[in-house]
Amino acid sequence: MLPQLVWRRPAAVRRELNDPLLARELLLYIWDKAAESLPPRERVPPRGLHLSWHRVAGRATALLQLPSPQATGEAHLAAIVYEQAEVDPNDHSRIPDEDEDDDDLDTEPDDAVPRYFLLEAALGRSPDEAGTPTMLGELRAEHHHHHAAGPPAGRPDTAGRFLQALADLLGPLPDDVPFMRVVRG
């Protein structure tokens, strides 16, 4: 549910995630809403659900620590990576007036749609390291891509190593197009 909401309303969700109280409310609501159709015995409490903000290869990134996965393919961590500059939480100049539709605020260009990455539980053994094996995945619209093996989960440095793997995958932000001057000789 969260990826679809992030892609459909990127600016509004980003503003909510920047506010600690709104972020907690939003994440708990989505967690409960996603479990509505599950039998009670299959529902997982949101223990360990936590959000923090980081800079990854120059990009603002919301890192979600999720409850421990119960099966292969479930995520340990999720990261919402924004290409554009950070939102200023003190800038209330774009809060809609009573007669303005909140959807008008989400007018970001198509290339500004955030990317949604996962550190997923995987089968097998972690090569030469303690921890459980993982896969670095990405959700894009209806597609689920696996990029590479991820850092082992269950270690104190798992989140930091996940963010580093994302930085390596994303690379630096594209520089401005260099100015070119044509000289006739």
Protein backbone atom coordinates (compact mmCIF):
# COMPACT_ATOMS: atom_id res chain seq x y z
CA MET A 1 0.00 0.00 0.00
CA LEU A 2 2.75 2.47 0.88
CA PRO A 3 4.53 2.39 -2.51
CA GLN A 4 1.29 3.15 -4.37
CA LEU A 5 0.53 6.03 -2.01
CA VAL A 6 4.08 7.39 -2.37
CA TRP A 7 3.87 7.27 -6.17
CA ARG A 8 0.34 8.67 -6.37
CA ARG A 9 0.88 11.59 -3.97
CA PRO A 10 4.66 12.06 -3.64
CA ALA A 11 4.74 15.60 -2.24
CA ALA A 12 1.91 15.07 0.27
CA VAL A 13 3.35 11.79 1.57
CA ARG A 14 6.82 13.32 1.81
CA ARG A 15 5.46 16.21 3.89
CA GLU A 16 3.72 13.75 6.23
CA LEU A 17 6.83 11.59 6.58
CA ASN A 18 8.86 14.69 7.49
CA ASP A 19 6.61 15.30 10.51
CA PRO A 20 7.32 12.68 13.22
CA LEU A 21 3.75 12.58 14.55
CA LEU A 22 2.11 12.47 11.12
CA ALA A 23 4.64 9.88 9.94
CA ARG A 24 3.85 7.57 12.85
CA GLU A 25 0.12 7.99 12.30
CA LEU A 26 0.42 7.33 8.55
CA LEU A 27 2.64 4.27 8.93
CA LEU A 28 0.47 2.68 11.63
CA TYR A 29 -2.67 3.37 9.59
CA ILE A 30 -1.17 1.74 6.48
CA TRP A 31 0.09 -1.22 8.54
CA ASP A 32 -3.37 -1.82 10.00
CA LYS A 33 -5.14 -1.22 6.68
CA ALA A 34 -2.87 -3.71 4.87
CA ALA A 35 -3.69 -6.39 7.46
CA GLU A 36 -7.48 -5.90 7.38
CA SER A 37 -8.09 -8.76 4.97
CA LEU A 38 -5.81 -11.20 6.82
CA PRO A 39 -7.06 -13.68 9.41
CA PRO A 40 -6.12 -12.52 12.93
CA ARG A 41 -3.53 -15.31 13.37
CA GLU A 42 -1.61 -14.05 10.30
CA ARG A 43 -1.45 -10.40 11.37
CA VAL A 44 1.93 -9.16 12.56
CA PRO A 45 2.05 -6.39 15.18
CA PRO A 46 3.97 -3.27 14.07
CA ARG A 47 6.75 -3.87 16.64
CA GLY A 48 9.96 -2.38 15.31
CA LEU A 49 8.27 -0.15 12.73
CA HIS A 50 10.48 2.94 12.62
CA LEU A 51 11.24 5.79 10.19
CA SER A 52 14.45 7.81 9.88
CA TRP A 53 15.78 10.24 7.25
CA HIS A 54 19.18 9.96 5.56
CA ARG A 55 21.14 11.34 2.60
CA VAL A 56 22.01 8.62 0.12
CA ALA A 57 24.26 9.66 -2.74
CA GLY A 58 22.99 13.23 -2.30
CA ARG A 59 19.32 12.21 -2.23
CA ALA A 60 16.82 12.58 0.61
CA THR A 61 15.87 9.06 1.70
CA ALA A 62 13.23 7.86 4.15
CA LEU A 63 14.39 4.58 5.70
CA LEU A 64 11.68 2.32 7.14
CA GLN A 65 12.70 -0.32 9.64
CA LEU A 66 10.02 -3.00 9.41
CA PRO A 67 8.99 -5.77 11.80
CA SER A 68 11.02 -8.94 11.26
CA PRO A 69 10.05 -10.77 8.09
CA GLN A 70 8.10 -13.99 8.54
CA ALA A 71 8.88 -15.44 5.10
CA THR A 72 11.22 -15.21 2.13
CA GLY A 73 10.49 -12.13 0.01
CA GLU A 74 9.23 -10.04 2.91
CA ALA A 75 11.24 -6.91 3.67
CA HIS A 76 13.53 -6.11 6.57
CA LEU A 77 13.89 -2.51 5.40
CA ALA A 78 12.34 -0.19 2.82
CA ALA A 79 13.77 3.05 1.44
CA ILE A 80 11.92 5.83 -0.33
CA VAL A 81 14.48 7.74 -2.38
CA TYR A 82 13.67 11.27 -3.58
CA GLU A 83 15.72 12.76 -6.44
CA GLN A 84 14.72 16.37 -5.74
CA ALA A 85 15.78 18.64 -2.87
CA GLU A 86 14.53 18.05 0.64
CA VAL A 87 11.22 19.42 1.87
CA ASP A 88 11.53 22.21 4.41
CA PRO A 89 9.21 21.12 7.25
CA ASN A 90 8.86 24.76 8.34
CA ASP A 91 7.67 25.91 4.91
CA HIS A 92 3.91 26.13 5.26
CA SER A 93 3.51 28.26 2.16
CA ARG A 94 2.13 25.32 0.16
CA ILE A 95 -0.50 24.11 2.59
CA PRO A 96 -3.76 24.39 0.65
CA ASP A 97 -6.40 26.95 1.43
CA GLU A 98 -9.88 25.68 2.30
CA ASP A 99 -11.04 26.07 -1.31
CA GLU A 100 -7.85 24.58 -2.84
CA ASP A 101 -7.65 20.88 -3.63
CA ASP A 102 -4.76 19.11 -1.88
CA ASP A 103 -4.09 17.20 -5.13
CA ASP A 104 -2.95 20.48 -6.70
CA LEU A 105 0.17 20.33 -4.51
CA ASP A 106 1.38 17.07 -6.03
CA THR A 107 2.45 18.51 -9.35
CA GLU A 108 5.91 17.03 -9.50
CA PRO A 109 7.33 16.05 -12.89
CA ASP A 110 7.27 12.38 -13.86
CA ASP A 111 11.00 12.04 -13.27
CA ALA A 112 10.49 13.21 -9.68
CA VAL A 113 8.52 10.10 -8.70
CA PRO A 114 10.35 8.57 -5.74
CA ARG A 115 12.03 5.19 -6.04
CA TYR A 116 11.04 2.46 -3.58
CA PHE A 117 13.73 -0.03 -2.56
CA LEU A 118 13.53 -3.09 -0.31
CA LEU A 119 15.97 -5.24 1.59
CA GLU A 120 14.17 -8.56 1.29
CA ALA A 121 14.64 -11.83 3.15
CA ALA A 122 16.18 -14.44 0.82
CA LEU A 123 16.85 -18.15 0.88
CA GLY A 124 20.30 -19.60 1.38
CA ARG A 125 23.24 -18.67 3.53
CA SER A 126 25.14 -15.40 3.74
CA PRO A 127 28.56 -15.95 2.20
CA ASP A 128 31.33 -15.61 4.78
CA GLU A 129 29.27 -13.36 7.07
CA ALA A 130 26.99 -13.75 10.07
CA GLY A 131 23.38 -12.78 9.50
CA THR A 132 20.57 -13.91 7.25
CA PRO A 133 20.75 -13.56 3.45
CA THR A 134 18.93 -10.73 1.70
CA MET A 135 18.20 -9.38 -1.76
CA LEU A 136 18.22 -5.72 -2.80
CA GLY A 137 14.92 -5.20 -4.62
CA GLU A 138 13.02 -2.31 -6.13
CA LEU A 139 9.33 -1.78 -6.80
CA ARG A 140 8.44 0.25 -9.90
CA ALA A 141 4.77 0.50 -10.71
CA GLU A 142 3.66 -3.10 -11.25
CA HIS A 143 7.21 -4.45 -11.58
CA HIS A 144 9.47 -5.93 -8.93
CA HIS A 145 13.19 -5.89 -9.80
CA HIS A 146 15.96 -7.71 -7.97
CA HIS A 147 19.23 -5.80 -8.28
CA ALA A 148 21.74 -7.87 -6.31
CA ALA A 149 22.36 -9.72 -3.10
CA GLY A 150 21.99 -7.37 -0.16
CA PRO A 151 23.91 -7.09 3.09
CA PRO A 152 23.16 -9.77 5.70
CA ALA A 153 20.21 -8.93 7.95
CA GLY A 154 20.12 -9.25 11.70
CA ARG A 155 23.35 -7.36 12.25
CA PRO A 156 23.79 -3.97 13.94
CA ASP A 157 25.19 -2.51 10.69
CA THR A 158 22.48 -3.89 8.35
CA ALA A 159 20.68 -0.54 7.87
CA GLY A 160 23.93 1.33 7.19
CA ARG A 161 25.09 -1.30 4.75
CA PHE A 162 21.69 -1.23 2.99
CA LEU A 163 21.98 2.56 2.59
CA GLN A 164 25.54 2.12 1.26
CA ALA A 165 24.32 -0.51 -1.24
CA LEU A 166 21.68 1.99 -2.41
CA ALA A 167 24.32 4.72 -2.77
CA ASP A 168 26.45 2.36 -4.86
CA LEU A 169 23.45 1.44 -7.02
CA LEU A 170 22.22 5.01 -7.51
CA GLY A 171 25.58 6.67 -8.06
CA PRO A 172 26.08 10.41 -7.72
CA LEU A 173 23.38 12.89 -8.66
CA PRO A 174 23.66 13.95 -12.29
CA ASP A 175 25.58 17.20 -12.60
CA ASP A 176 24.18 20.16 -14.46
CA VAL A 177 24.64 19.95 -18.18
CA PRO A 178 27.98 21.59 -18.95
CA PHE A 179 27.87 24.81 -20.90
CA MET A 180 29.09 24.33 -24.42
CA ARG A 181 30.36 27.15 -26.57
CA VAL A 182 30.85 26.79 -30.28
CA VAL A 183 33.95 28.54 -31.55
CA ARG A 184 34.36 29.12 -35.24
CA GLY A 185 37.85 29.48 -36.42
